[in-house]
Amino acid sequence: MSPLKRKKLNKIRHELDRLDNSLIKLIKTRTNLVKKVLALKEKKNQIIDRNRIKIILKNIRKKSLKNNIDPKITNRIWKSMIWSYIEFEKKNFKKK
């Protein structure tokens, strides 16, 4: 790799690192909201709402297409996030 390309690569990687830091902050905010939602659930079977998951994924697909993003990428990201939070909720569910 030429020195010029190496420099460009490092600059882009630095931008990606900054973006990752922003994503971490957003994930913290999302986690706090999930905790609030979990506090309202009275039964463990309320954790998985397949209808809501379907709606979320459908909306993400629409937004991805509108923003010229490959919907396969966003679908995988959101599915992973959804199921990660479902596991989080199951682990942290407190019977009332």
PDB file of N, CA and C in Angstrom:
ATOM      1  N   MET A   1       0.858  -1.183   0.000  1.00  0.00           N
ATOM      2  CA  MET A   1       0.000   0.000   0.000  1.00  0.00           C
ATOM      3  C   MET A   1       0.897   1.237   0.000  1.00  0.00           C
ATOM      4  N   SER A   2       0.536   2.185  -0.830  1.00  0.00           N
ATOM      5  CA  SER A   2       1.333   3.416  -0.926  1.00  0.00           C
ATOM      6  C   SER A   2       1.149   4.258   0.340  1.00  0.00           C
ATOM      7  N   PRO A   3       2.120   5.108   0.643  1.00  0.00           N
ATOM      8  CA  PRO A   3       2.000   5.986   1.822  1.00  0.00           C
ATOM      9  C   PRO A   3       0.748   6.858   1.787  1.00  0.00           C
ATOM     10  N   LEU A   4       0.383   7.326   0.594  1.00  0.00           N
ATOM     11  CA  LEU A   4      -0.815   8.160   0.476  1.00  0.00           C
ATOM     12  C   LEU A   4      -2.071   7.362   0.827  1.00  0.00           C
ATOM     13  N   LYS A   5      -2.159   6.152   0.297  1.00  0.00           N
ATOM     14  CA  LYS A   5      -3.315   5.304   0.615  1.00  0.00           C
ATOM     15  C   LYS A   5      -3.333   4.931   2.090  1.00  0.00           C
ATOM     16  N   ARG A   6      -2.178   4.683   2.656  1.00  0.00           N
ATOM     17  CA  ARG A   6      -2.075   4.354   4.086  1.00  0.00           C
ATOM     18  C   ARG A   6      -2.602   5.515   4.927  1.00  0.00           C
ATOM     19  N   LYS A   7      -2.230   6.731   4.526  1.00  0.00           N
ATOM     20  CA  LYS A   7      -2.684   7.931   5.241  1.00  0.00           C
ATOM     21  C   LYS A   7      -4.210   8.070   5.151  1.00  0.00           C
ATOM     22  N   LYS A   8      -4.759   7.855   3.942  1.00  0.00           N
ATOM     23  CA  LYS A   8      -6.211   7.928   3.758  1.00  0.00           C
ATOM     24  C   LYS A   8      -6.923   6.857   4.585  1.00  0.00           C
ATOM     25  N   LEU A   9      -6.347   5.656   4.583  1.00  0.00           N
ATOM     26  CA  LEU A   9      -6.921   4.555   5.355  1.00  0.00           C
ATOM     27  C   LEU A   9      -6.966   4.896   6.841  1.00  0.00           C
ATOM     28  N   ASN A  10      -5.877   5.420   7.356  1.00  0.00           N
ATOM     29  CA  ASN A  10      -5.825   5.797   8.776  1.00  0.00           C
ATOM     30  C   ASN A  10      -6.836   6.886   9.111  1.00  0.00           C
ATOM     31  N   LYS A  11      -7.016   7.826   8.196  1.00  0.00           N
ATOM     32  CA  LYS A  11      -7.990   8.896   8.420  1.00  0.00           C
ATOM     33  C   LYS A  11      -9.407   8.323   8.479  1.00  0.00           C
ATOM     34  N   ILE A  12      -9.724   7.432   7.550  1.00  0.00           N
ATOM     35  CA  ILE A  12     -11.057   6.810   7.535  1.00  0.00           C
ATOM     36  C   ILE A  12     -11.264   5.969   8.799  1.00  0.00           C
ATOM     37  N   ARG A  13     -10.245   5.242   9.196  1.00  0.00           N
ATOM     38  CA  ARG A  13     -10.354   4.434  10.425  1.00  0.00           C
ATOM     39  C   ARG A  13     -10.577   5.310  11.652  1.00  0.00           C
ATOM     40  N   HIS A  14      -9.949   6.465  11.656  1.00  0.00           N
ATOM     41  CA  HIS A  14     -10.156   7.406  12.766  1.00  0.00           C
ATOM     42  C   HIS A  14     -11.617   7.881  12.792  1.00  0.00           C
ATOM     43  N   GLU A  15     -12.165   8.164  11.623  1.00  0.00           N
ATOM     44  CA  GLU A  15     -13.575   8.557  11.527  1.00  0.00           C
ATOM     45  C   GLU A  15     -14.486   7.423  12.013  1.00  0.00           C
ATOM     46  N   LEU A  16     -14.145   6.195  11.643  1.00  0.00           N
ATOM     47  CA  LEU A  16     -14.923   5.038  12.104  1.00  0.00           C
ATOM     48  C   LEU A  16     -14.856   4.911  13.629  1.00  0.00           C
ATOM     49  N   ASP A  17     -13.702   5.133  14.205  1.00  0.00           N
ATOM     50  CA  ASP A  17     -13.557   5.083  15.664  1.00  0.00           C
ATOM     51  C   ASP A  17     -14.430   6.130  16.340  1.00  0.00           C
ATOM     52  N   ARG A  18     -14.459   7.330  15.766  1.00  0.00           N
ATOM     53  CA  ARG A  18     -15.309   8.396  16.335  1.00  0.00           C
ATOM     54  C   ARG A  18     -16.787   8.011  16.227  1.00  0.00           C
ATOM     55  N   LEU A  19     -17.148   7.446  15.103  1.00  0.00           N
ATOM     56  CA  LEU A  19     -18.526   6.998  14.916  1.00  0.00           C
ATOM     57  C   LEU A  19     -18.877   5.892  15.911  1.00  0.00           C
ATOM     58  N   ASP A  20     -17.959   4.964  16.123  1.00  0.00           N
ATOM     59  CA  ASP A  20     -18.179   3.894  17.105  1.00  0.00           C
ATOM     60  C   ASP A  20     -18.415   4.476  18.503  1.00  0.00           C
ATOM     61  N   ASN A  21     -17.680   5.511  18.852  1.00  0.00           N
ATOM     62  CA  ASN A  21     -17.878   6.157  20.158  1.00  0.00           C
ATOM     63  C   ASN A  21     -19.281   6.743  20.268  1.00  0.00           C
ATOM     64  N   SER A  22     -19.764   7.309  19.181  1.00  0.00           N
ATOM     65  CA  SER A  22     -21.133   7.844  19.163  1.00  0.00           C
ATOM     66  C   SER A  22     -22.152   6.717  19.296  1.00  0.00           C
ATOM     67  N   LEU A  23     -21.899   5.613  18.608  1.00  0.00           N
ATOM     68  CA  LEU A  23     -22.815   4.466  18.691  1.00  0.00           C
ATOM     69  C   LEU A  23     -22.881   3.906  20.111  1.00  0.00           C
ATOM     70  N   ILE A  24     -21.746   3.863  20.794  1.00  0.00           N
ATOM     71  CA  ILE A  24     -21.723   3.385  22.178  1.00  0.00           C
ATOM     72  C   ILE A  24     -22.636   4.248  23.052  1.00  0.00           C
ATOM     73  N   LYS A  25     -22.581   5.555  22.863  1.00  0.00           N
ATOM     74  CA  LYS A  25     -23.453   6.451  23.635  1.00  0.00           C
ATOM     75  C   LYS A  25     -24.921   6.195  23.322  1.00  0.00           C
ATOM     76  N   LEU A  26     -25.234   5.963  22.062  1.00  0.00           N
ATOM     77  CA  LEU A  26     -26.619   5.667  21.667  1.00  0.00           C
ATOM     78  C   LEU A  26     -27.080   4.328  22.250  1.00  0.00           C
ATOM     79  N   ILE A  27     -26.191   3.355  22.263  1.00  0.00           N
ATOM     80  CA  ILE A  27     -26.545   2.047  22.837  1.00  0.00           C
ATOM     81  C   ILE A  27     -26.804   2.179  24.334  1.00  0.00           C
ATOM     82  N   LYS A  28     -26.036   3.011  25.008  1.00  0.00           N
ATOM     83  CA  LYS A  28     -26.282   3.243  26.443  1.00  0.00           C
ATOM     84  C   LYS A  28     -27.676   3.849  26.643  1.00  0.00           C
ATOM     85  N   THR A  29     -28.016   4.835  25.831  1.00  0.00           N
ATOM     86  CA  THR A  29     -29.344   5.462  25.907  1.00  0.00           C
ATOM     87  C   THR A  29     -30.432   4.436  25.634  1.00  0.00           C
ATOM     88  N   ARG A  30     -30.231   3.611  24.609  1.00  0.00           N
ATOM     89  CA  ARG A  30     -31.221   2.585  24.265  1.00  0.00           C
ATOM     90  C   ARG A  30     -31.378   1.569  25.405  1.00  0.00           C
ATOM     91  N   THR A  31     -30.253   1.197  26.011  1.00  0.00           N
ATOM     92  CA  THR A  31     -30.291   0.248  27.122  1.00  0.00           C
ATOM     93  C   THR A  31     -31.091   0.821  28.291  1.00  0.00           C
ATOM     94  N   ASN A  32     -30.901   2.087  28.575  1.00  0.00           N
ATOM     95  CA  ASN A  32     -31.666   2.716  29.666  1.00  0.00           C
ATOM     96  C   ASN A  32     -33.164   2.714  29.360  1.00  0.00           C
ATOM     97  N   LEU A  33     -33.532   2.929  28.105  1.00  0.00           N
ATOM     98  CA  LEU A  33     -34.947   2.883  27.726  1.00  0.00           C
ATOM     99  C   LEU A  33     -35.493   1.456  27.834  1.00  0.00           C
ATOM    100  N   VAL A  34     -34.690   0.478  27.440  1.00  0.00           N
ATOM    101  CA  VAL A  34     -35.114  -0.920  27.554  1.00  0.00           C
ATOM    102  C   VAL A  34     -35.337  -1.278  29.030  1.00  0.00           C
ATOM    103  N   LYS A  35     -34.491  -0.780  29.907  1.00  0.00           N
ATOM    104  CA  LYS A  35     -34.669  -1.024  31.348  1.00  0.00           C
ATOM    105  C   LYS A  35     -36.008  -0.460  31.831  1.00  0.00           C
ATOM    106  N   LYS A  36     -36.382   0.713  31.339  1.00  0.00           N
ATOM    107  CA  LYS A  36     -37.665   1.310  31.716  1.00  0.00           C
ATOM    108  C   LYS A  36     -38.838   0.483  31.209  1.00  0.00           C
ATOM    109  N   VAL A  37     -38.715  -0.007  29.981  1.00  0.00           N
ATOM    110  CA  VAL A  37     -39.754  -0.864  29.410  1.00  0.00           C
ATOM    111  C   VAL A  37     -39.874  -2.144  30.230  1.00  0.00           C
ATOM    112  N   LEU A  38     -38.739  -2.726  30.558  1.00  0.00           N
ATOM    113  CA  LEU A  38     -38.726  -3.973  31.331  1.00  0.00           C
ATOM    114  C   LEU A  38     -39.393  -3.793  32.693  1.00  0.00           C
ATOM    115  N   ALA A  39     -39.191  -2.658  33.302  1.00  0.00           N
ATOM    116  CA  ALA A  39     -39.793  -2.395  34.613  1.00  0.00           C
ATOM    117  C   ALA A  39     -41.325  -2.399  34.543  1.00  0.00           C
ATOM    118  N   LEU A  40     -41.880  -2.128  33.378  1.00  0.00           N
ATOM    119  CA  LEU A  40     -43.337  -2.107  33.210  1.00  0.00           C
ATOM    120  C   LEU A  40     -43.918  -3.487  32.925  1.00  0.00           C
ATOM    121  N   LYS A  41     -43.094  -4.423  32.521  1.00  0.00           N
ATOM    122  CA  LYS A  41     -43.583  -5.763  32.176  1.00  0.00           C
ATOM    123  C   LYS A  41     -43.830  -6.572  33.442  1.00  0.00           C
ATOM    124  N   GLU A  42     -44.992  -7.200  33.494  1.00  0.00           N
ATOM    125  CA  GLU A  42     -45.381  -7.934  34.693  1.00  0.00           C
ATOM    126  C   GLU A  42     -45.112  -9.432  34.590  1.00  0.00           C
ATOM    127  N   LYS A  43     -45.056  -9.932  33.354  1.00  0.00           N
ATOM    128  CA  LYS A  43     -44.839 -11.359  33.148  1.00  0.00           C
ATOM    129  C   LYS A  43     -43.710 -11.560  32.154  1.00  0.00           C
ATOM    130  N   LYS A  44     -42.960 -12.627  32.353  1.00  0.00           N
ATOM    131  CA  LYS A  44     -41.818 -12.904  31.484  1.00  0.00           C
ATOM    132  C   LYS A  44     -42.244 -13.126  30.035  1.00  0.00           C
ATOM    133  N   ASN A  45     -43.469 -13.627  29.832  1.00  0.00           N
ATOM    134  CA  ASN A  45     -43.910 -13.877  28.452  1.00  0.00           C
ATOM    135  C   ASN A  45     -44.225 -12.576  27.696  1.00  0.00           C
ATOM    136  N   GLN A  46     -44.147 -11.443  28.368  1.00  0.00           N
ATOM    137  CA  GLN A  46     -44.339 -10.149  27.709  1.00  0.00           C
ATOM    138  C   GLN A  46     -43.042  -9.639  27.077  1.00  0.00           C
ATOM    139  N   ILE A  47     -41.955 -10.333  27.321  1.00  0.00           N
ATOM    140  CA  ILE A  47     -40.656  -9.870  26.823  1.00  0.00           C
ATOM    141  C   ILE A  47     -40.588  -9.933  25.300  1.00  0.00           C
ATOM    142  N   ILE A  48     -41.034 -11.028  24.717  1.00  0.00           N
ATOM    143  CA  ILE A  48     -40.973 -11.158  23.257  1.00  0.00           C
ATOM    144  C   ILE A  48     -42.315 -10.793  22.656  1.00  0.00           C
ATOM    145  N   ASP A  49     -42.295  -9.755  21.831  1.00  0.00           N
ATOM    146  CA  ASP A  49     -43.493  -9.320  21.119  1.00  0.00           C
ATOM    147  C   ASP A  49     -43.203  -9.458  19.624  1.00  0.00           C
ATOM    148  N   ARG A  50     -43.530 -10.621  19.097  1.00  0.00           N
ATOM    149  CA  ARG A  50     -43.188 -10.936  17.703  1.00  0.00           C
ATOM    150  C   ARG A  50     -43.818  -9.959  16.706  1.00  0.00           C
ATOM    151  N   ASN A  51     -44.995  -9.478  17.019  1.00  0.00           N
ATOM    152  CA  ASN A  51     -45.657  -8.506  16.142  1.00  0.00           C
ATOM    153  C   ASN A  51     -44.846  -7.217  16.075  1.00  0.00           C
ATOM    154  N   ARG A  52     -44.399  -6.743  17.229  1.00  0.00           N
ATOM    155  CA  ARG A  52     -43.586  -5.520  17.271  1.00  0.00           C
ATOM    156  C   ARG A  52     -42.269  -5.722  16.524  1.00  0.00           C
ATOM    157  N   ILE A  53     -41.656  -6.880  16.697  1.00  0.00           N
ATOM    158  CA  ILE A  53     -40.393  -7.175  16.006  1.00  0.00           C
ATOM    159  C   ILE A  53     -40.595  -7.109  14.492  1.00  0.00           C
ATOM    160  N   LYS A  54     -41.693  -7.686  14.033  1.00  0.00           N
ATOM    161  CA  LYS A  54     -42.002  -7.679  12.601  1.00  0.00           C
ATOM    162  C   LYS A  54     -42.158  -6.246  12.087  1.00  0.00           C
ATOM    163  N   ILE A  55     -42.868  -5.435  12.844  1.00  0.00           N
ATOM    164  CA  ILE A  55     -43.090  -4.031  12.458  1.00  0.00           C
ATOM    165  C   ILE A  55     -41.767  -3.263  12.432  1.00  0.00           C
ATOM    166  N   ILE A  56     -40.947  -3.468  13.457  1.00  0.00           N
ATOM    167  CA  ILE A  56     -39.647  -2.785  13.520  1.00  0.00           C
ATOM    168  C   ILE A  56     -38.805  -3.137  12.298  1.00  0.00           C
ATOM    169  N   LEU A  57     -38.706  -4.428  11.994  1.00  0.00           N
ATOM    170  CA  LEU A  57     -37.876  -4.863  10.869  1.00  0.00           C
ATOM    171  C   LEU A  57     -38.419  -4.362   9.525  1.00  0.00           C
ATOM    172  N   LYS A  58     -39.731  -4.300   9.425  1.00  0.00           N
ATOM    173  CA  LYS A  58     -40.343  -3.768   8.201  1.00  0.00           C
ATOM    174  C   LYS A  58     -39.997  -2.285   8.036  1.00  0.00           C
ATOM    175  N   ASN A  59     -40.099  -1.533   9.126  1.00  0.00           N
ATOM    176  CA  ASN A  59     -39.769  -0.105   9.089  1.00  0.00           C
ATOM    177  C   ASN A  59     -38.292   0.134   8.791  1.00  0.00           C
ATOM    178  N   ILE A  60     -37.438  -0.695   9.367  1.00  0.00           N
ATOM    179  CA  ILE A  60     -36.001  -0.561   9.121  1.00  0.00           C
ATOM    180  C   ILE A  60     -35.698  -0.829   7.655  1.00  0.00           C
ATOM    181  N   ARG A  61     -36.384  -1.794   7.072  1.00  0.00           N
ATOM    182  CA  ARG A  61     -36.193  -2.089   5.650  1.00  0.00           C
ATOM    183  C   ARG A  61     -36.573  -0.881   4.787  1.00  0.00           C
ATOM    184  N   LYS A  62     -37.737  -0.289   5.102  1.00  0.00           N
ATOM    185  CA  LYS A  62     -38.185   0.890   4.352  1.00  0.00           C
ATOM    186  C   LYS A  62     -37.183   2.036   4.473  1.00  0.00           C
ATOM    187  N   LYS A  63     -36.732   2.292   5.687  1.00  0.00           N
ATOM    188  CA  LYS A  63     -35.785   3.387   5.915  1.00  0.00           C
ATOM    189  C   LYS A  63     -34.451   3.109   5.235  1.00  0.00           C
ATOM    190  N   SER A  64     -34.044   1.856   5.244  1.00  0.00           N
ATOM    191  CA  SER A  64     -32.787   1.480   4.589  1.00  0.00           C
ATOM    192  C   SER A  64     -32.864   1.746   3.094  1.00  0.00           C
ATOM    193  N   LEU A  65     -33.942   1.303   2.485  1.00  0.00           N
ATOM    194  CA  LEU A  65     -34.107   1.512   1.048  1.00  0.00           C
ATOM    195  C   LEU A  65     -34.167   2.999   0.712  1.00  0.00           C
ATOM    196  N   LYS A  66     -34.884   3.747   1.531  1.00  0.00           N
ATOM    197  CA  LYS A  66     -35.008   5.183   1.319  1.00  0.00           C
ATOM    198  C   LYS A  66     -33.645   5.880   1.410  1.00  0.00           C
ATOM    199  N   ASN A  67     -32.781   5.356   2.271  1.00  0.00           N
ATOM    200  CA  ASN A  67     -31.462   5.964   2.476  1.00  0.00           C
ATOM    201  C   ASN A  67     -30.354   5.267   1.683  1.00  0.00           C
ATOM    202  N   ASN A  68     -30.775   4.419   0.752  1.00  0.00           N
ATOM    203  CA  ASN A  68     -29.824   3.732  -0.114  1.00  0.00           C
ATOM    204  C   ASN A  68     -28.803   2.897   0.666  1.00  0.00           C
ATOM    205  N   ILE A  69     -29.306   2.151   1.645  1.00  0.00           N
ATOM    206  CA  ILE A  69     -28.483   1.235   2.445  1.00  0.00           C
ATOM    207  C   ILE A  69     -28.977  -0.176   2.154  1.00  0.00           C
ATOM    208  N   ASP A  70     -28.059  -1.085   2.012  1.00  0.00           N
ATOM    209  CA  ASP A  70     -28.431  -2.476   1.766  1.00  0.00           C
ATOM    210  C   ASP A  70     -29.278  -2.978   2.945  1.00  0.00           C
ATOM    211  N   PRO A  71     -30.545  -3.314   2.709  1.00  0.00           N
ATOM    212  CA  PRO A  71     -31.429  -3.736   3.805  1.00  0.00           C
ATOM    213  C   PRO A  71     -30.990  -5.028   4.489  1.00  0.00           C
ATOM    214  N   LYS A  72     -30.181  -5.826   3.816  1.00  0.00           N
ATOM    215  CA  LYS A  72     -29.666  -7.043   4.461  1.00  0.00           C
ATOM    216  C   LYS A  72     -28.758  -6.681   5.636  1.00  0.00           C
ATOM    217  N   ILE A  73     -27.995  -5.631   5.460  1.00  0.00           N
ATOM    218  CA  ILE A  73     -27.089  -5.194   6.523  1.00  0.00           C
ATOM    219  C   ILE A  73     -27.889  -4.701   7.725  1.00  0.00           C
ATOM    220  N   THR A  74     -28.823  -3.802   7.490  1.00  0.00           N
ATOM    221  CA  THR A  74     -29.582  -3.241   8.615  1.00  0.00           C
ATOM    222  C   THR A  74     -30.470  -4.293   9.269  1.00  0.00           C
ATOM    223  N   ASN A  75     -31.008  -5.212   8.466  1.00  0.00           N
ATOM    224  CA  ASN A  75     -31.832  -6.280   9.032  1.00  0.00           C
ATOM    225  C   ASN A  75     -31.015  -7.132  10.003  1.00  0.00           C
ATOM    226  N   ARG A  76     -29.813  -7.484   9.598  1.00  0.00           N
ATOM    227  CA  ARG A  76     -28.961  -8.302  10.471  1.00  0.00           C
ATOM    228  C   ARG A  76     -28.579  -7.548  11.739  1.00  0.00           C
ATOM    229  N   ILE A  77     -28.273  -6.279  11.587  1.00  0.00           N
ATOM    230  CA  ILE A  77     -27.897  -5.467  12.753  1.00  0.00           C
ATOM    231  C   ILE A  77     -29.075  -5.383  13.725  1.00  0.00           C
ATOM    232  N   TRP A  78     -30.258  -5.057  13.195  1.00  0.00           N
ATOM    233  CA  TRP A  78     -31.424  -4.897  14.079  1.00  0.00           C
ATOM    234  C   TRP A  78     -31.855  -6.216  14.708  1.00  0.00           C
ATOM    235  N   LYS A  79     -31.819  -7.295  13.944  1.00  0.00           N
ATOM    236  CA  LYS A  79     -32.169  -8.597  14.523  1.00  0.00           C
ATOM    237  C   LYS A  79     -31.217  -8.938  15.666  1.00  0.00           C
ATOM    238  N   SER A  80     -29.955  -8.710  15.441  1.00  0.00           N
ATOM    239  CA  SER A  80     -28.968  -8.979  16.482  1.00  0.00           C
ATOM    240  C   SER A  80     -29.227  -8.117  17.717  1.00  0.00           C
ATOM    241  N   MET A  81     -29.519  -6.849  17.487  1.00  0.00           N
ATOM    242  CA  MET A  81     -29.787  -5.939  18.600  1.00  0.00           C
ATOM    243  C   MET A  81     -31.058  -6.340  19.339  1.00  0.00           C
ATOM    244  N   ILE A  82     -32.106  -6.648  18.597  1.00  0.00           N
ATOM    245  CA  ILE A  82     -33.378  -7.038  19.207  1.00  0.00           C
ATOM    246  C   ILE A  82     -33.186  -8.275  20.073  1.00  0.00           C
ATOM    247  N   TRP A  83     -32.556  -9.302  19.523  1.00  0.00           N
ATOM    248  CA  TRP A  83     -32.400 -10.543  20.281  1.00  0.00           C
ATOM    249  C   TRP A  83     -31.410 -10.385  21.428  1.00  0.00           C
ATOM    250  N   SER A  84     -30.448  -9.502  21.296  1.00  0.00           N
ATOM    251  CA  SER A  84     -29.542  -9.221  22.412  1.00  0.00           C
ATOM    252  C   SER A  84     -30.302  -8.572  23.563  1.00  0.00           C
ATOM    253  N   TYR A  85     -31.197  -7.644  23.231  1.00  0.00           N
ATOM    254  CA  TYR A  85     -31.992  -7.001  24.274  1.00  0.00           C
ATOM    255  C   TYR A  85     -33.042  -7.948  24.861  1.00  0.00           C
ATOM    256  N   ILE A  86     -33.541  -8.870  24.071  1.00  0.00           N
ATOM    257  CA  ILE A  86     -34.461  -9.871  24.609  1.00  0.00           C
ATOM    258  C   ILE A  86     -33.731 -10.712  25.657  1.00  0.00           C
ATOM    259  N   GLU A  87     -32.518 -11.123  25.351  1.00  0.00           N
ATOM    260  CA  GLU A  87     -31.722 -11.885  26.325  1.00  0.00           C
ATOM    261  C   GLU A  87     -31.446 -11.034  27.572  1.00  0.00           C
ATOM    262  N   PHE A  88     -31.152  -9.763  27.361  1.00  0.00           N
ATOM    263  CA  PHE A  88     -30.930  -8.836  28.473  1.00  0.00           C
ATOM    264  C   PHE A  88     -32.178  -8.758  29.362  1.00  0.00           C
ATOM    265  N   GLU A  89     -33.338  -8.630  28.718  1.00  0.00           N
ATOM    266  CA  GLU A  89     -34.586  -8.544  29.478  1.00  0.00           C
ATOM    267  C   GLU A  89     -34.858  -9.835  30.243  1.00  0.00           C
ATOM    268  N   LYS A  90     -34.641 -10.962  29.605  1.00  0.00           N
ATOM    269  CA  LYS A  90     -34.867 -12.243  30.280  1.00  0.00           C
ATOM    270  C   LYS A  90     -33.966 -12.374  31.507  1.00  0.00           C
ATOM    271  N   LYS A  91     -32.725 -11.981  31.342  1.00  0.00           N
ATOM    272  CA  LYS A  91     -31.761 -12.069  32.430  1.00  0.00           C
ATOM    273  C   LYS A  91     -32.104 -11.134  33.587  1.00  0.00           C
ATOM    274  N   ASN A  92     -32.675  -9.979  33.251  1.00  0.00           N
ATOM    275  CA  ASN A  92     -32.940  -8.961  34.264  1.00  0.00           C
ATOM    276  C   ASN A  92     -34.393  -8.874  34.711  1.00  0.00           C
ATOM    277  N   PHE A  93     -35.228  -9.771  34.222  1.00  0.00           N
ATOM    278  CA  PHE A  93     -36.637  -9.734  34.591  1.00  0.00           C
ATOM    279  C   PHE A  93     -36.796 -10.070  36.070  1.00  0.00           C
ATOM    280  N   LYS A  94     -37.584  -9.258  36.739  1.00  0.00           N
ATOM    281  CA  LYS A  94     -37.878  -9.506  38.159  1.00  0.00           C
ATOM    282  C   LYS A  94     -39.357  -9.747  38.296  1.00  0.00           C
ATOM    283  N   LYS A  95     -39.708 -10.903  38.840  1.00  0.00           N
ATOM    284  CA  LYS A  95     -41.128 -11.195  39.038  1.00  0.00           C
ATOM    285  C   LYS A  95     -41.712 -10.219  40.030  1.00  0.00           C
ATOM    286  N   LYS A  96     -42.991  -9.856  39.775  1.00  0.00           N
ATOM    287  CA  LYS A  96     -43.632  -8.870  40.662  1.00  0.00           C
ATOM    288  C   LYS A  96     -44.676  -9.542  41.513  1.00  0.00           C
TER     289      LYS A  96
END
